[in-house]
Protein backbone atom coordinates (compact mmCIF):
# COMPACT_ATOMS: atom_id res chain seq x y z
CA MET A 1 38.50 -115.22 -94.21
CA ASN A 2 40.16 -111.87 -94.86
CA GLN A 3 43.07 -111.80 -97.21
CA VAL A 4 45.68 -109.08 -96.99
CA GLN A 5 46.69 -107.56 -100.35
CA ASN A 6 49.82 -105.47 -100.66
CA PHE A 7 51.03 -103.53 -103.71
CA GLU A 8 54.65 -102.50 -104.18
CA GLU A 9 56.43 -100.76 -107.06
CA LEU A 10 59.42 -102.62 -108.47
CA SER A 11 61.94 -101.79 -111.21
CA PRO A 12 62.25 -104.19 -114.17
CA GLU A 13 65.85 -104.94 -113.13
CA ALA A 14 64.74 -106.11 -109.68
CA VAL A 15 62.20 -108.67 -110.91
CA PRO A 16 64.32 -111.87 -111.07
CA GLY A 17 66.11 -111.28 -107.76
CA THR A 18 62.87 -110.46 -105.98
CA ALA A 19 61.19 -113.56 -107.42
CA ALA A 20 64.07 -115.76 -106.23
CA LYS A 21 63.87 -114.22 -102.75
CA LEU A 22 60.10 -114.76 -102.55
CA LYS A 23 60.48 -118.38 -103.70
CA ALA A 24 63.07 -118.98 -100.96
CA GLU A 25 60.65 -117.47 -98.42
CA GLY A 26 57.89 -119.89 -99.43
CA TYR A 27 55.71 -117.65 -101.61
CA ARG A 28 53.85 -119.21 -104.52
CA MET A 29 53.34 -117.37 -107.79
CA VAL A 30 49.66 -116.63 -108.42
CA GLN A 31 49.66 -114.74 -111.73
CA ILE A 32 51.32 -112.15 -113.95
CA CYS A 33 49.05 -109.59 -115.60
CA GLY A 34 49.92 -107.23 -118.45
CA ILE A 35 48.37 -103.80 -118.97
CA THR A 36 49.06 -101.24 -121.72
CA MET A 37 49.80 -97.71 -120.55
CA GLU A 38 50.99 -94.64 -122.43
CA GLY A 39 54.61 -95.26 -123.40
CA ALA A 40 54.92 -98.45 -121.37
CA SER A 41 53.43 -101.74 -120.31
CA GLU A 42 52.67 -102.43 -116.68
CA LEU A 43 53.16 -105.91 -115.32
CA VAL A 44 51.63 -107.00 -112.03
CA TYR A 45 53.26 -110.05 -110.48
CA SER A 46 51.16 -111.61 -107.69
CA PHE A 47 52.54 -113.93 -105.02
CA ASP A 48 50.79 -115.55 -102.05
CA LYS A 49 51.90 -116.89 -98.70
CA GLU A 50 49.53 -117.80 -95.88
CA HIS A 51 46.64 -115.70 -97.27
CA GLU A 52 48.81 -112.64 -97.82
CA LEU A 53 48.81 -111.50 -101.43
CA LEU A 54 51.83 -109.51 -102.55
CA ASN A 55 51.45 -107.65 -105.86
CA LEU A 56 54.54 -106.21 -107.51
CA LYS A 57 53.84 -103.47 -110.08
CA VAL A 58 56.54 -103.13 -112.71
CA THR A 59 56.45 -100.38 -115.35
CA VAL A 60 58.28 -101.49 -118.49
CA PRO A 61 58.98 -98.81 -121.12
CA PHE A 62 58.22 -100.05 -124.64
CA GLY A 63 61.24 -101.89 -126.04
CA THR A 64 62.75 -102.67 -122.62
CA PRO A 65 63.19 -106.41 -121.98
CA VAL A 66 62.49 -108.00 -118.60
CA LYS A 67 64.41 -110.97 -117.19
CA SER A 68 62.28 -114.09 -116.92
CA ILE A 69 61.33 -115.48 -113.52
CA THR A 70 61.18 -119.06 -114.88
CA PRO A 71 64.40 -120.01 -113.07
CA SER A 72 62.46 -119.48 -109.80
CA TYR A 73 58.89 -120.16 -110.93
CA TRP A 74 58.95 -122.44 -113.97
CA ALA A 75 55.19 -122.09 -114.61
CA ALA A 76 55.72 -118.37 -115.28
CA PHE A 77 56.56 -119.36 -118.87
CA VAL A 78 52.81 -119.43 -119.62
CA TYR A 79 52.24 -115.84 -118.45
CA GLU A 80 55.48 -114.54 -119.98
CA ASN A 81 54.75 -116.03 -123.41
CA GLU A 82 51.16 -114.75 -123.29
CA ILE A 83 52.30 -111.22 -122.35
CA HIS A 84 54.96 -111.34 -125.08
CA ASP A 85 52.47 -112.36 -127.75
CA LEU A 86 49.71 -109.94 -126.73
CA PHE A 87 51.62 -106.91 -125.39
CA GLY A 88 55.05 -107.22 -127.05
CA VAL A 89 57.06 -107.35 -123.82
CA ASP A 90 60.28 -109.33 -124.33
CA PHE A 91 61.39 -111.69 -121.54
CA GLU A 92 65.06 -112.63 -121.49
CA ASP A 93 66.42 -116.02 -120.41
CA SER A 94 63.05 -117.78 -120.33
CA GLU A 95 63.33 -121.51 -119.83
CA LEU A 96 60.54 -122.07 -122.38
CA ASP A 97 60.27 -119.31 -124.99
CA TYR A 98 57.72 -119.79 -127.76
CA LYS A 99 59.30 -116.88 -129.65
CA GLY A 100 56.00 -115.15 -130.42
CA ASN A 101 54.10 -118.33 -131.31
CA PHE A 102 52.34 -119.16 -128.05
CA PHE A 103 49.02 -117.85 -129.42
CA ARG A 104 47.76 -117.66 -132.97
CA VAL A 105 46.48 -114.13 -133.34
CA SER A 106 45.27 -112.32 -136.45
CA THR A 107 47.21 -109.18 -135.45
CA LYS A 108 50.70 -109.46 -134.01
CA THR A 109 50.83 -108.09 -130.43
CA PRO A 110 47.23 -106.78 -130.57
CA TRP A 111 47.39 -105.02 -127.20
CA LYS A 112 50.74 -103.34 -127.68
CA GLY A 113 50.34 -99.67 -126.94
CA PRO A 114 50.19 -96.97 -129.60
CA GLY A 115 53.57 -95.46 -130.30
CA ALA A 116 55.44 -98.64 -129.44
CA LYS A 117 57.82 -99.99 -132.07
CA GLY A 118 55.93 -102.57 -134.11
CA ALA A 119 52.47 -101.42 -132.96
CA GLU A 120 49.74 -101.49 -135.59
């Protein structure tokens, strides 16, 4: 079976509206991945429908919050809290926010990029 994978760039402001639209169209959320880049974090949101994988790449400058997609995909709270604790990305309006206590880590936000406020 061949699976189609598409990648699209998306602004942080467009994330919640796009997630709601995809939910209404029958897409399921697969994962959210965080990556540290110079001056920003990159989030990749993956959604699937009928063996078509849609990946939305969102570049988030350090210190810029992102609206949560938990109103559309409640299970996103796991990924959002993990990304917050490890990368320092703040998610607004999450339906289940652990406020930085989802993981016990020896170094706060260990994968936050150099130069970001609060980075070690």
